[in-house]
Amino acid sequence: MVFFLCPVCGEAVKKAKVSTHRCQPSEWSCMDCGKIFPGTSYTKHTSCISEAEKYQGHLYSGNHQGKNKKETVAQIWQRTCAEVVDKAAQDASLAPQLQRLLPSICGLENVPRKKKKFDNFMKNQVILPVAACCTVTQLIV
C-alpha cells in the first residue's frame, strides 16, 4: 500500500484517498521513497522501495533497482493498457471519442482482464454503444 504525505497538513494519506483529501496541495511526496509527484502524477506511482531497502540503506543486499522483485498480474495489466493507449493515440483511424476515452479507462485500477467481464464493464461503467465497446475490447483485450 502506497502512502503519500500532504505538504500542507503533514497527514499520511492512502493513494486511494489522495484525490479527496481536504487540502488539495499541488504536489505529493511518497512516504517510502520520498519522491515528489506534482499534480496528479502520483497515480502512476505503483511500486516503491521495500522497507528493508529504506531502513538498511547501503547495507541492503537485495534488489538494488528500487522495485519489487515480482510485478503483480494487476501491474502487468495496467502497463499493457498504458501501452495500448499510447499506440491508439497515434492511430488516426480511431474515432476521436474513443481516443479521449481510452486514457480514462486505463487510469482506473479495477479494469477486468478477461473479455466477457471487460465487455460487461464497458457497457455498465463507461456506458458506450455496443459497437464502440467491441472496438475498445479488440484494442485492449
N, C-alpha and C. Protein backbone atom coordinates (compact mmCIF):
# COMPACT_ATOMS: atom_id res chain seq x y z
N MET A 1 0.85 -1.17 0.00
CA MET A 1 0.00 0.00 0.00
C MET A 1 0.90 1.24 0.00
N VAL A 2 0.64 2.12 -0.92
CA VAL A 2 1.44 3.34 -1.06
C VAL A 2 0.76 4.47 -0.29
N PHE A 3 1.53 5.18 0.54
CA PHE A 3 1.03 6.33 1.27
C PHE A 3 1.77 7.57 0.79
N PHE A 4 1.06 8.68 0.75
CA PHE A 4 1.64 9.95 0.35
C PHE A 4 1.50 10.95 1.49
N LEU A 5 2.45 11.86 1.59
CA LEU A 5 2.42 12.89 2.62
C LEU A 5 1.90 14.19 2.04
N CYS A 6 0.96 14.80 2.74
CA CYS A 6 0.42 16.09 2.34
C CYS A 6 1.39 17.17 2.83
N PRO A 7 1.91 18.02 1.93
CA PRO A 7 2.84 19.05 2.37
C PRO A 7 2.18 20.19 3.15
N VAL A 8 0.86 20.30 3.07
CA VAL A 8 0.16 21.37 3.76
C VAL A 8 -0.08 21.02 5.23
N CYS A 9 -0.70 19.84 5.47
CA CYS A 9 -1.04 19.48 6.85
C CYS A 9 -0.15 18.38 7.42
N GLY A 10 0.67 17.73 6.60
CA GLY A 10 1.57 16.70 7.08
C GLY A 10 0.92 15.35 7.30
N GLU A 11 -0.32 15.18 6.89
CA GLU A 11 -1.05 13.94 7.09
C GLU A 11 -0.61 12.89 6.08
N ALA A 12 -0.53 11.63 6.51
CA ALA A 12 -0.25 10.50 5.62
C ALA A 12 -1.57 10.03 5.04
N VAL A 13 -1.64 9.97 3.70
CA VAL A 13 -2.89 9.66 3.02
C VAL A 13 -2.67 8.47 2.09
N LYS A 14 -3.61 7.50 2.13
CA LYS A 14 -3.55 6.37 1.20
C LYS A 14 -3.73 6.88 -0.22
N LYS A 15 -3.18 6.14 -1.18
CA LYS A 15 -3.25 6.55 -2.58
C LYS A 15 -4.70 6.72 -3.04
N ALA A 16 -5.58 5.85 -2.59
CA ALA A 16 -6.98 5.91 -3.00
C ALA A 16 -7.70 7.15 -2.45
N LYS A 17 -7.21 7.72 -1.35
CA LYS A 17 -7.86 8.87 -0.71
C LYS A 17 -7.23 10.21 -1.08
N VAL A 18 -6.15 10.20 -1.87
CA VAL A 18 -5.44 11.43 -2.19
C VAL A 18 -6.35 12.42 -2.93
N SER A 19 -7.13 11.92 -3.89
CA SER A 19 -7.97 12.82 -4.70
C SER A 19 -9.06 13.50 -3.88
N THR A 20 -9.44 12.94 -2.73
CA THR A 20 -10.48 13.54 -1.91
C THR A 20 -9.94 14.22 -0.66
N HIS A 21 -8.63 14.35 -0.56
CA HIS A 21 -8.03 14.98 0.62
C HIS A 21 -8.43 16.45 0.71
N ARG A 22 -8.66 16.94 1.91
CA ARG A 22 -9.23 18.27 2.11
C ARG A 22 -8.30 19.42 1.70
N CYS A 23 -6.99 19.23 1.76
CA CYS A 23 -6.06 20.33 1.47
C CYS A 23 -5.85 20.58 -0.02
N GLN A 24 -5.90 19.52 -0.83
CA GLN A 24 -5.68 19.61 -2.28
C GLN A 24 -4.39 20.35 -2.63
N PRO A 25 -3.22 19.85 -2.15
CA PRO A 25 -1.96 20.51 -2.48
C PRO A 25 -1.57 20.30 -3.94
N SER A 26 -0.61 21.06 -4.42
CA SER A 26 -0.20 20.97 -5.82
C SER A 26 0.78 19.82 -6.05
N GLU A 27 1.33 19.26 -4.99
CA GLU A 27 2.25 18.14 -5.13
C GLU A 27 2.16 17.23 -3.92
N TRP A 28 2.53 15.95 -4.11
CA TRP A 28 2.52 14.95 -3.05
C TRP A 28 3.89 14.30 -2.99
N SER A 29 4.29 13.83 -1.82
CA SER A 29 5.54 13.10 -1.72
C SER A 29 5.26 11.70 -1.18
N CYS A 30 5.94 10.71 -1.75
CA CYS A 30 5.77 9.32 -1.33
C CYS A 30 6.39 9.14 0.05
N MET A 31 5.68 8.45 0.90
CA MET A 31 6.15 8.26 2.27
C MET A 31 7.37 7.33 2.32
N ASP A 32 7.45 6.36 1.40
CA ASP A 32 8.54 5.39 1.44
C ASP A 32 9.79 5.87 0.73
N CYS A 33 9.65 6.30 -0.53
CA CYS A 33 10.85 6.65 -1.29
C CYS A 33 11.17 8.14 -1.25
N GLY A 34 10.22 8.98 -0.81
CA GLY A 34 10.47 10.41 -0.70
C GLY A 34 10.37 11.17 -2.00
N LYS A 35 10.01 10.50 -3.08
CA LYS A 35 9.91 11.14 -4.39
C LYS A 35 8.71 12.10 -4.39
N ILE A 36 8.87 13.25 -5.04
CA ILE A 36 7.80 14.25 -5.10
C ILE A 36 7.07 14.13 -6.43
N PHE A 37 5.73 14.13 -6.36
CA PHE A 37 4.88 13.98 -7.54
C PHE A 37 4.02 15.23 -7.72
N PRO A 38 4.29 16.04 -8.74
CA PRO A 38 3.48 17.23 -8.98
C PRO A 38 2.13 16.86 -9.60
N GLY A 39 1.11 17.62 -9.26
CA GLY A 39 -0.22 17.42 -9.85
C GLY A 39 -0.79 16.05 -9.55
N THR A 40 -1.28 15.38 -10.60
CA THR A 40 -1.87 14.05 -10.43
C THR A 40 -0.93 12.94 -10.88
N SER A 41 0.36 13.22 -10.98
CA SER A 41 1.31 12.19 -11.42
C SER A 41 1.49 11.09 -10.38
N TYR A 42 0.98 11.29 -9.16
CA TYR A 42 1.06 10.26 -8.12
C TYR A 42 0.31 9.00 -8.53
N THR A 43 -0.65 9.11 -9.45
CA THR A 43 -1.44 7.94 -9.85
C THR A 43 -0.59 6.89 -10.55
N LYS A 44 0.51 7.30 -11.16
CA LYS A 44 1.38 6.37 -11.87
C LYS A 44 2.39 5.69 -10.94
N HIS A 45 2.44 6.10 -9.69
CA HIS A 45 3.39 5.54 -8.72
C HIS A 45 2.79 4.26 -8.14
N THR A 46 3.15 3.11 -8.74
CA THR A 46 2.55 1.85 -8.32
C THR A 46 3.51 0.96 -7.55
N SER A 47 4.81 1.18 -7.67
CA SER A 47 5.76 0.37 -6.92
C SER A 47 6.79 1.30 -6.28
N CYS A 48 7.37 0.83 -5.20
CA CYS A 48 8.26 1.68 -4.43
C CYS A 48 9.38 0.82 -3.84
N ILE A 49 10.26 1.43 -3.06
CA ILE A 49 11.32 0.67 -2.43
C ILE A 49 10.76 -0.14 -1.27
N SER A 50 11.43 -1.22 -0.93
CA SER A 50 10.96 -2.05 0.18
C SER A 50 11.38 -1.42 1.50
N GLU A 51 10.75 -1.89 2.58
CA GLU A 51 11.11 -1.37 3.90
C GLU A 51 12.55 -1.71 4.24
N ALA A 52 12.99 -2.92 3.86
CA ALA A 52 14.37 -3.32 4.15
C ALA A 52 15.34 -2.38 3.46
N GLU A 53 15.08 -2.05 2.21
CA GLU A 53 15.96 -1.15 1.48
C GLU A 53 15.93 0.25 2.07
N LYS A 54 14.76 0.68 2.53
CA LYS A 54 14.63 2.01 3.10
C LYS A 54 15.42 2.16 4.39
N TYR A 55 15.30 1.18 5.29
CA TYR A 55 15.89 1.32 6.61
C TYR A 55 17.33 0.81 6.70
N GLN A 56 17.75 -0.09 5.78
CA GLN A 56 19.11 -0.60 5.82
C GLN A 56 20.07 0.23 4.98
N GLY A 57 19.54 1.04 4.09
CA GLY A 57 20.37 1.93 3.29
C GLY A 57 21.42 1.20 2.47
N HIS A 58 22.68 1.59 2.62
CA HIS A 58 23.74 0.98 1.83
C HIS A 58 24.06 -0.45 2.26
N LEU A 59 23.57 -0.89 3.41
CA LEU A 59 23.79 -2.25 3.87
C LEU A 59 22.85 -3.26 3.22
N TYR A 60 21.82 -2.77 2.55
CA TYR A 60 20.83 -3.64 1.91
C TYR A 60 21.49 -4.46 0.81
N SER A 61 21.29 -5.77 0.82
CA SER A 61 21.96 -6.63 -0.15
C SER A 61 20.97 -7.33 -1.08
N GLY A 62 19.79 -6.81 -1.22
CA GLY A 62 18.79 -7.42 -2.09
C GLY A 62 18.75 -6.78 -3.45
N ASN A 63 17.56 -6.58 -3.95
CA ASN A 63 17.33 -6.00 -5.26
C ASN A 63 17.67 -4.51 -5.21
N HIS A 64 18.68 -4.06 -5.93
CA HIS A 64 19.14 -2.67 -5.87
C HIS A 64 18.46 -1.77 -6.88
N GLN A 65 17.48 -2.27 -7.62
CA GLN A 65 16.82 -1.46 -8.63
C GLN A 65 15.75 -0.55 -8.04
N GLY A 66 15.39 -0.77 -6.79
CA GLY A 66 14.38 0.08 -6.17
C GLY A 66 12.97 -0.34 -6.51
N LYS A 67 12.79 -1.53 -7.03
CA LYS A 67 11.46 -2.00 -7.38
C LYS A 67 11.25 -3.38 -6.75
N ASN A 68 10.00 -3.77 -6.68
CA ASN A 68 9.69 -5.09 -6.15
C ASN A 68 10.23 -6.16 -7.08
N LYS A 69 10.52 -7.32 -6.54
CA LYS A 69 11.10 -8.38 -7.35
C LYS A 69 10.12 -8.89 -8.40
N LYS A 70 8.86 -9.01 -8.05
CA LYS A 70 7.88 -9.52 -8.99
C LYS A 70 6.77 -8.50 -9.18
N GLU A 71 6.38 -8.32 -10.42
CA GLU A 71 5.23 -7.48 -10.69
C GLU A 71 3.98 -8.33 -10.52
N THR A 72 2.97 -7.75 -9.96
CA THR A 72 1.73 -8.49 -9.82
C THR A 72 1.02 -8.52 -11.17
N VAL A 73 0.05 -9.39 -11.29
CA VAL A 73 -0.72 -9.51 -12.53
C VAL A 73 -1.43 -8.18 -12.83
N ALA A 74 -1.92 -7.53 -11.80
CA ALA A 74 -2.62 -6.25 -11.99
C ALA A 74 -1.66 -5.18 -12.52
N GLN A 75 -0.43 -5.16 -12.04
CA GLN A 75 0.54 -4.18 -12.52
C GLN A 75 0.92 -4.44 -13.96
N ILE A 76 1.05 -5.70 -14.34
CA ILE A 76 1.34 -6.05 -15.74
C ILE A 76 0.19 -5.62 -16.62
N TRP A 77 -1.05 -5.85 -16.16
CA TRP A 77 -2.24 -5.48 -16.93
C TRP A 77 -2.31 -3.96 -17.10
N GLN A 78 -2.02 -3.20 -16.05
CA GLN A 78 -2.05 -1.74 -16.14
C GLN A 78 -0.99 -1.24 -17.12
N ARG A 79 0.18 -1.87 -17.11
CA ARG A 79 1.23 -1.49 -18.05
C ARG A 79 0.81 -1.79 -19.49
N THR A 80 0.17 -2.95 -19.70
CA THR A 80 -0.31 -3.32 -21.03
C THR A 80 -1.36 -2.32 -21.51
N CYS A 81 -2.28 -1.94 -20.64
CA CYS A 81 -3.30 -0.95 -21.00
C CYS A 81 -2.66 0.37 -21.39
N ALA A 82 -1.65 0.79 -20.64
CA ALA A 82 -0.98 2.05 -20.94
C ALA A 82 -0.29 2.00 -22.30
N GLU A 83 0.29 0.86 -22.65
CA GLU A 83 0.93 0.71 -23.96
C GLU A 83 -0.10 0.79 -25.09
N VAL A 84 -1.26 0.17 -24.87
CA VAL A 84 -2.33 0.21 -25.88
C VAL A 84 -2.83 1.64 -26.07
N VAL A 85 -2.95 2.38 -24.99
CA VAL A 85 -3.40 3.77 -25.07
C VAL A 85 -2.41 4.61 -25.87
N ASP A 86 -1.12 4.39 -25.64
CA ASP A 86 -0.11 5.14 -26.38
C ASP A 86 -0.17 4.84 -27.87
N LYS A 87 -0.37 3.57 -28.23
CA LYS A 87 -0.48 3.20 -29.64
C LYS A 87 -1.75 3.75 -30.26
N ALA A 88 -2.86 3.70 -29.51
CA ALA A 88 -4.14 4.17 -30.03
C ALA A 88 -4.16 5.68 -30.21
N ALA A 89 -3.40 6.41 -29.41
CA ALA A 89 -3.35 7.86 -29.53
C ALA A 89 -2.73 8.27 -30.87
N GLN A 90 -1.88 7.43 -31.42
CA GLN A 90 -1.23 7.73 -32.69
C GLN A 90 -2.03 7.21 -33.89
N ASP A 91 -3.06 6.42 -33.63
CA ASP A 91 -3.86 5.83 -34.71
C ASP A 91 -4.93 6.82 -35.18
N ALA A 92 -4.79 7.29 -36.41
CA ALA A 92 -5.72 8.29 -36.94
C ALA A 92 -7.07 7.69 -37.33
N SER A 93 -7.13 6.38 -37.54
CA SER A 93 -8.39 5.76 -37.96
C SER A 93 -9.36 5.55 -36.80
N LEU A 94 -8.89 5.71 -35.58
CA LEU A 94 -9.73 5.53 -34.39
C LEU A 94 -10.58 6.78 -34.16
N ALA A 95 -11.82 6.57 -33.79
CA ALA A 95 -12.74 7.69 -33.55
C ALA A 95 -12.21 8.59 -32.42
N PRO A 96 -12.38 9.90 -32.55
CA PRO A 96 -11.88 10.83 -31.52
C PRO A 96 -12.49 10.56 -30.14
N GLN A 97 -13.76 10.12 -30.12
CA GLN A 97 -14.41 9.82 -28.84
C GLN A 97 -13.66 8.69 -28.13
N LEU A 98 -13.25 7.67 -28.88
CA LEU A 98 -12.52 6.55 -28.27
C LEU A 98 -11.11 6.95 -27.88
N GLN A 99 -10.48 7.84 -28.64
CA GLN A 99 -9.14 8.30 -28.28
C GLN A 99 -9.17 9.07 -26.97
N ARG A 100 -10.24 9.80 -26.71
CA ARG A 100 -10.37 10.52 -25.44
C ARG A 100 -10.74 9.57 -24.31
N LEU A 101 -11.46 8.49 -24.62
CA LEU A 101 -11.97 7.57 -23.62
C LEU A 101 -10.90 6.60 -23.10
N LEU A 102 -10.02 6.14 -23.98
CA LEU A 102 -9.05 5.12 -23.61
C LEU A 102 -8.16 5.51 -22.42
N PRO A 103 -7.60 6.72 -22.37
CA PRO A 103 -6.78 7.05 -21.19
C PRO A 103 -7.55 7.01 -19.88
N SER A 104 -8.82 7.39 -19.90
CA SER A 104 -9.60 7.37 -18.66
C SER A 104 -9.91 5.94 -18.23
N ILE A 105 -10.09 5.04 -19.20
CA ILE A 105 -10.36 3.64 -18.87
C ILE A 105 -9.13 3.02 -18.22
N CYS A 106 -7.99 3.23 -18.82
CA CYS A 106 -6.76 2.62 -18.30
C CYS A 106 -6.29 3.28 -17.02
N GLY A 107 -6.81 4.44 -16.69
CA GLY A 107 -6.46 5.09 -15.44
C GLY A 107 -7.15 4.45 -14.25
N LEU A 108 -8.19 3.69 -14.51
CA LEU A 108 -8.91 3.01 -13.43
C LEU A 108 -8.11 1.80 -12.96
N GLU A 109 -8.23 1.46 -11.70
CA GLU A 109 -7.47 0.35 -11.15
C GLU A 109 -8.22 -0.98 -11.20
N ASN A 110 -9.49 -0.96 -11.52
CA ASN A 110 -10.29 -2.17 -11.46
C ASN A 110 -10.74 -2.66 -12.83
N VAL A 111 -9.96 -2.42 -13.87
CA VAL A 111 -10.33 -2.83 -15.22
C VAL A 111 -10.13 -4.34 -15.34
N PRO A 112 -11.19 -5.08 -15.70
CA PRO A 112 -11.08 -6.54 -15.81
C PRO A 112 -10.18 -6.94 -16.98
N ARG A 113 -9.54 -8.11 -16.85
CA ARG A 113 -8.64 -8.59 -17.89
C ARG A 113 -9.33 -9.53 -18.87
N LYS A 114 -10.34 -10.24 -18.46
CA LYS A 114 -11.00 -11.21 -19.33
C LYS A 114 -12.03 -10.53 -20.21
N LYS A 115 -12.19 -11.05 -21.44
CA LYS A 115 -13.00 -10.41 -22.47
C LYS A 115 -14.46 -10.21 -22.03
N LYS A 116 -15.09 -11.26 -21.53
CA LYS A 116 -16.51 -11.18 -21.16
C LYS A 116 -16.73 -10.16 -20.05
N LYS A 117 -15.88 -10.18 -19.04
CA LYS A 117 -16.02 -9.24 -17.93
C LYS A 117 -15.66 -7.82 -18.36
N PHE A 118 -14.69 -7.71 -19.28
CA PHE A 118 -14.32 -6.39 -19.79
C PHE A 118 -15.49 -5.78 -20.58
N ASP A 119 -16.15 -6.60 -21.43
CA ASP A 119 -17.32 -6.12 -22.18
C ASP A 119 -18.42 -5.63 -21.24
N ASN A 120 -18.68 -6.41 -20.21
CA ASN A 120 -19.70 -6.03 -19.24
C ASN A 120 -19.31 -4.75 -18.51
N PHE A 121 -18.05 -4.63 -18.15
CA PHE A 121 -17.53 -3.43 -17.51
C PHE A 121 -17.74 -2.21 -18.39
N MET A 122 -17.41 -2.35 -19.68
CA MET A 122 -17.55 -1.24 -20.62
C MET A 122 -19.01 -0.83 -20.77
N LYS A 123 -19.91 -1.79 -20.83
CA LYS A 123 -21.33 -1.47 -21.01
C LYS A 123 -21.91 -0.79 -19.77
N ASN A 124 -21.51 -1.24 -18.59
CA ASN A 124 -22.10 -0.74 -17.35
C ASN A 124 -21.39 0.49 -16.79
N GLN A 125 -20.08 0.48 -16.75
CA GLN A 125 -19.33 1.56 -16.13
C GLN A 125 -19.14 2.76 -17.05
N VAL A 126 -18.74 2.48 -18.27
CA VAL A 126 -18.38 3.54 -19.19
C VAL A 126 -19.57 4.00 -20.02
N ILE A 127 -20.57 3.16 -20.18
CA ILE A 127 -21.80 3.44 -20.91
C ILE A 127 -21.49 3.87 -22.35
N LEU A 128 -21.10 2.87 -23.12
CA LEU A 128 -20.80 3.05 -24.54
C LEU A 128 -21.76 2.24 -25.39
N PRO A 129 -21.96 2.63 -26.63
CA PRO A 129 -22.73 1.79 -27.54
C PRO A 129 -21.99 0.47 -27.78
N VAL A 130 -22.72 -0.56 -28.20
CA VAL A 130 -22.15 -1.89 -28.37
C VAL A 130 -21.00 -1.89 -29.37
N ALA A 131 -21.15 -1.16 -30.48
CA ALA A 131 -20.10 -1.12 -31.50
C ALA A 131 -18.81 -0.52 -30.94
N ALA A 132 -18.92 0.53 -30.16
CA ALA A 132 -17.75 1.15 -29.57
C ALA A 132 -17.11 0.23 -28.53
N CYS A 133 -17.94 -0.49 -27.78
CA CYS A 133 -17.43 -1.46 -26.80
C CYS A 133 -16.60 -2.53 -27.48
N CYS A 134 -17.09 -3.01 -28.62
CA CYS A 134 -16.36 -4.04 -29.36
C CYS A 134 -15.01 -3.51 -29.85
N THR A 135 -14.97 -2.28 -30.30
CA THR A 135 -13.72 -1.68 -30.76
C THR A 135 -12.71 -1.57 -29.63
N VAL A 136 -13.15 -1.09 -28.49
CA VAL A 136 -12.25 -0.94 -27.33
C VAL A 136 -11.78 -2.32 -26.86
N THR A 137 -12.69 -3.29 -26.85
CA THR A 137 -12.32 -4.65 -26.44
C THR A 137 -11.26 -5.23 -27.35
N GLN A 138 -11.40 -5.02 -28.66
CA GLN A 138 -10.40 -5.53 -29.60
C GLN A 138 -9.06 -4.86 -29.39
N LEU A 139 -9.06 -3.60 -29.03
CA LEU A 139 -7.80 -2.88 -28.81
C LEU A 139 -7.08 -3.34 -27.55
N ILE A 140 -7.81 -3.49 -26.46
CA ILE A 140 -7.19 -3.74 -25.16
C ILE A 140 -7.04 -5.22 -24.85
N VAL A 141 -8.11 -5.99 -25.02
CA VAL A 141 -8.06 -7.39 -24.58
C VAL A 141 -7.42 -8.28 -25.59
